[in-house]
Amino acid sequence: MEKSYPIEKSIRERRAVFPAMYNDEAISRAEVMAILENARWAPTHRLTQPWRFVVFQGNALNDLSKYLGAYYEENTPAEKYSEIKYKKTIKKPLQSACVLAIVLHRDPEERVPEWEEIASVSMAVQNIWLSCHERGIGAYWSSPAAALNASSFLNLAENEKCLGLFYMGRKARDPMNPERKKIEDFVSFYAG
C-alpha cells in the first residue's frame, strides 16, 4: 500500500472559492503575513524571487473597488457595457477580507527568461492558495484587464507588472467539486 502524505489532501481539495461565497469574518494582518511567508519559499531560478504582493484590507478595499469600477466604465465600449457586470466588478473586493495584487518584479539584470519568473510567481501563488486552504480561507485568482493594466494605480516600477488579483475570504460555503480528467488522459511515459 502506497504511503499517503498530508500535502496531497490539500492539493486535491483546494478549489477556487469566489468572493460571493465568503462570510464577513476578517483575516488578520498577522495571518496574511504568515500566508505570504509561505510564498517566499517558492522555487526561483537564480534566486531572483520575482514575486511582489500589494495587500488590500479594510478601507483599501474601497479604493480597489473604485479603481476596478472606473476602469470598467472607461474601457468598456457602450455596446458591451453591462450594469450587472459593473456591479459584480465593484462588489468583489468589498465581499473579500483581503485582496492581493500579484506582481511580477522582473530581475533588472534579466538573468533568466521572463517566463521562468512568471512561473516562479505562479508557484508562490500556489503556496499562498494551499496555505489559505489549510486555514479555511477561500481564495480565487482573477486576471481582468483592470488588474493587468494597474501599474499606475499600484505605483509599480518599470520592471514590474500586475499578473492579477488574488481574492481571499473566510468560506461561508464550499464550492462544488468539479470532475478532473483521468491521469491517463495527460500522462505518457517516454518509450525511447
Protein backbone atom coordinates (compact mmCIF):
# COMPACT_ATOMS: atom_id res chain seq x y z
CA MET A 1 0.00 0.00 0.00
CA GLU A 2 1.37 3.39 -1.03
CA LYS A 3 2.03 5.89 1.75
CA SER A 4 -0.26 8.94 1.95
CA TYR A 5 1.16 12.42 2.57
CA PRO A 6 -0.75 15.32 4.20
CA ILE A 7 0.11 17.74 1.37
CA GLU A 8 -1.72 15.51 -1.12
CA LYS A 9 -5.05 16.07 0.64
CA SER A 10 -4.64 19.86 0.44
CA ILE A 11 -3.58 19.76 -3.21
CA ARG A 12 -6.60 17.66 -4.14
CA GLU A 13 -9.15 19.57 -2.06
CA ARG A 14 -8.07 23.12 -2.90
CA ARG A 15 -10.63 24.92 -5.07
CA ALA A 16 -11.34 28.39 -6.39
CA VAL A 17 -13.71 29.98 -3.89
CA PHE A 18 -15.28 33.17 -5.20
CA PRO A 19 -16.00 36.33 -3.15
CA ALA A 20 -19.76 35.70 -3.23
CA MET A 21 -19.02 32.58 -1.16
CA TYR A 22 -17.18 34.45 1.64
CA ASN A 23 -18.57 35.45 5.01
CA ASP A 24 -17.82 38.70 6.88
CA GLU A 25 -15.08 37.28 9.13
CA ALA A 26 -11.80 39.19 8.98
CA ILE A 27 -8.35 37.82 8.19
CA SER A 28 -5.76 39.38 10.47
CA ARG A 29 -2.65 41.11 9.16
CA ALA A 30 -0.56 38.54 11.06
CA GLU A 31 -2.34 35.70 9.27
CA VAL A 32 -1.85 37.40 5.88
CA MET A 33 1.85 37.76 6.67
CA ALA A 34 2.10 34.09 7.69
CA ILE A 35 0.49 33.09 4.40
CA LEU A 36 2.82 35.36 2.43
CA GLU A 37 5.80 33.89 4.29
CA ASN A 38 4.96 30.61 2.57
CA ALA A 39 5.02 32.38 -0.81
CA ARG A 40 8.60 33.36 -0.08
CA TRP A 41 9.67 29.70 -0.25
CA ALA A 42 8.53 29.07 -3.82
CA PRO A 43 11.14 27.80 -6.29
CA THR A 44 13.02 30.60 -8.04
CA HIS A 45 15.80 30.23 -10.62
CA ARG A 46 18.94 32.15 -9.61
CA LEU A 47 17.04 33.30 -6.52
CA THR A 48 15.53 36.24 -8.38
CA GLN A 49 12.47 35.93 -6.09
CA PRO A 50 10.36 37.86 -8.62
CA TRP A 51 7.12 37.99 -6.63
CA ARG A 52 5.72 41.09 -5.02
CA PHE A 53 2.31 41.48 -3.39
CA VAL A 54 0.28 44.61 -2.71
CA VAL A 55 -2.18 43.87 0.12
CA PHE A 56 -5.63 45.45 0.22
CA GLN A 57 -7.57 45.20 3.50
CA GLY A 58 -10.07 47.38 5.33
CA ASN A 59 -10.65 50.77 3.68
CA ALA A 60 -8.12 49.96 0.96
CA LEU A 61 -10.69 47.52 -0.46
CA ASN A 62 -12.91 50.54 -1.21
CA ASP A 63 -10.10 52.12 -3.23
CA LEU A 64 -9.61 48.90 -5.18
CA SER A 65 -13.36 48.66 -5.82
CA LYS A 66 -13.45 52.26 -7.11
CA TYR A 67 -10.44 51.66 -9.36
CA LEU A 68 -11.95 48.48 -10.86
CA GLY A 69 -15.29 50.21 -11.44
CA ALA A 70 -13.70 53.27 -13.04
CA TYR A 71 -11.54 51.08 -15.27
CA TYR A 72 -14.59 49.11 -16.41
CA GLU A 73 -16.56 52.28 -17.17
CA GLU A 74 -13.69 53.96 -19.04
CA ASN A 75 -12.61 50.91 -21.07
CA THR A 76 -15.85 49.16 -21.95
CA PRO A 77 -17.47 50.16 -25.26
CA ALA A 78 -21.07 51.32 -24.85
CA GLU A 79 -22.42 48.33 -26.80
CA LYS A 80 -20.64 45.89 -24.43
CA TYR A 81 -21.32 47.72 -21.17
CA SER A 82 -23.35 45.76 -18.61
CA GLU A 83 -24.62 47.31 -15.40
CA ILE A 84 -24.73 43.80 -13.92
CA LYS A 85 -21.04 43.20 -14.74
CA TYR A 86 -20.12 46.65 -13.42
CA LYS A 87 -21.84 45.92 -10.10
CA LYS A 88 -20.17 42.49 -9.83
CA THR A 89 -16.79 44.08 -10.56
CA ILE A 90 -17.05 46.68 -7.80
CA LYS A 91 -18.62 44.22 -5.34
CA LYS A 92 -15.89 41.53 -5.41
CA PRO A 93 -13.30 43.46 -3.34
CA LEU A 94 -16.00 44.54 -0.89
CA GLN A 95 -17.05 40.90 -0.35
CA SER A 96 -13.42 39.96 0.43
CA ALA A 97 -11.47 40.15 3.66
CA CYS A 98 -8.26 40.70 1.71
CA VAL A 99 -7.15 41.08 -1.90
CA LEU A 100 -3.57 40.69 -3.09
CA ALA A 101 -2.32 42.29 -6.26
CA ILE A 102 0.06 39.68 -7.70
CA VAL A 103 3.08 41.45 -9.11
CA LEU A 104 5.95 40.20 -11.26
CA HIS A 105 9.14 42.03 -10.30
CA ARG A 106 11.37 41.31 -13.27
CA ASP A 107 15.05 40.75 -12.48
CA PRO A 108 16.72 44.05 -13.53
CA GLU A 109 19.64 42.07 -14.99
CA GLU A 110 17.25 39.70 -16.82
CA ARG A 111 19.42 36.73 -15.85
CA VAL A 112 16.55 34.31 -16.55
CA PRO A 113 13.78 34.35 -19.17
CA GLU A 114 10.61 36.20 -18.18
CA TRP A 115 8.53 33.03 -18.44
CA GLU A 116 10.63 31.46 -15.66
CA GLU A 117 9.94 34.40 -13.40
CA ILE A 118 6.21 34.25 -14.19
CA ALA A 119 6.37 30.53 -13.33
CA SER A 120 8.04 31.40 -10.01
CA VAL A 121 5.33 33.93 -9.20
CA SER A 122 2.72 31.31 -10.07
CA MET A 123 4.36 28.81 -7.70
CA ALA A 124 4.39 31.46 -4.97
CA VAL A 125 0.66 31.94 -5.56
CA GLN A 126 0.12 28.18 -5.35
CA ASN A 127 1.86 28.25 -1.95
CA ILE A 128 -0.47 31.07 -0.90
CA TRP A 129 -3.51 29.17 -2.18
CA LEU A 130 -2.60 25.98 -0.34
CA SER A 131 -1.87 27.99 2.82
CA CYS A 132 -5.29 29.64 2.55
CA HIS A 133 -6.98 26.28 2.04
CA GLU A 134 -5.29 24.86 5.15
CA ARG A 135 -6.65 27.81 7.18
CA GLY A 136 -10.22 27.57 5.88
CA ILE A 137 -9.78 30.70 3.76
CA GLY A 138 -11.37 30.68 0.35
CA ALA A 139 -9.35 32.17 -2.49
CA TYR A 140 -9.54 32.95 -6.18
CA TRP A 141 -7.00 34.28 -8.74
CA SER A 142 -8.58 36.68 -11.22
CA SER A 143 -6.84 38.44 -14.09
CA PRO A 144 -9.20 41.05 -15.53
CA ALA A 145 -7.81 43.74 -17.84
CA ALA A 146 -8.15 46.26 -15.00
CA ALA A 147 -5.62 44.27 -12.94
CA LEU A 148 -3.26 43.61 -15.84
CA ASN A 149 -3.20 47.35 -16.56
CA ALA A 150 -2.97 48.52 -12.94
CA SER A 151 0.69 49.58 -12.95
CA SER A 152 -0.11 53.24 -12.34
CA PHE A 153 -2.78 52.52 -9.71
CA LEU A 154 -0.38 50.21 -7.85
CA ASN A 155 2.62 52.54 -8.28
CA LEU A 156 4.67 49.76 -9.87
CA ALA A 157 8.25 50.20 -11.04
CA GLU A 158 9.19 49.98 -14.72
CA ASN A 159 10.34 46.36 -14.32
CA GLU A 160 7.07 45.30 -12.63
CA LYS A 161 3.65 44.28 -13.87
CA CYS A 162 0.49 43.02 -12.24
CA LEU A 163 -0.46 39.44 -13.11
CA GLY A 164 -3.86 39.54 -11.42
CA LEU A 165 -5.76 39.85 -8.17
CA PHE A 166 -5.98 37.17 -5.51
CA TYR A 167 -9.25 37.45 -3.57
CA MET A 168 -9.38 35.97 -0.06
CA GLY A 169 -12.15 35.47 2.50
CA ARG A 170 -13.42 33.04 5.08
CA LYS A 171 -15.65 30.48 3.43
CA ALA A 172 -19.37 30.73 4.08
CA ARG A 173 -19.80 27.64 1.92
CA ASP A 174 -17.63 25.23 -0.02
CA PRO A 175 -17.55 25.18 -3.81
CA MET A 176 -18.61 22.23 -5.91
CA ASN A 177 -16.01 19.59 -6.65
CA PRO A 178 -15.59 19.56 -10.46
CA GLU A 179 -14.62 16.39 -12.28
CA ARG A 180 -10.98 16.29 -13.37
CA LYS A 181 -9.52 14.44 -16.33
CA LYS A 182 -8.14 10.99 -15.61
CA ILE A 183 -4.36 10.90 -15.20
CA GLU A 184 -4.09 8.63 -18.25
CA ASP A 185 -5.53 11.47 -20.36
CA PHE A 186 -2.47 13.68 -19.91
CA VAL A 187 0.48 11.44 -18.94
CA SER A 188 2.58 9.27 -21.21
CA PHE A 189 5.86 7.57 -20.45
CA TYR A 190 8.64 8.08 -22.96
CA ALA A 191 9.44 4.72 -24.51
CA GLY A 192 12.62 5.68 -26.35
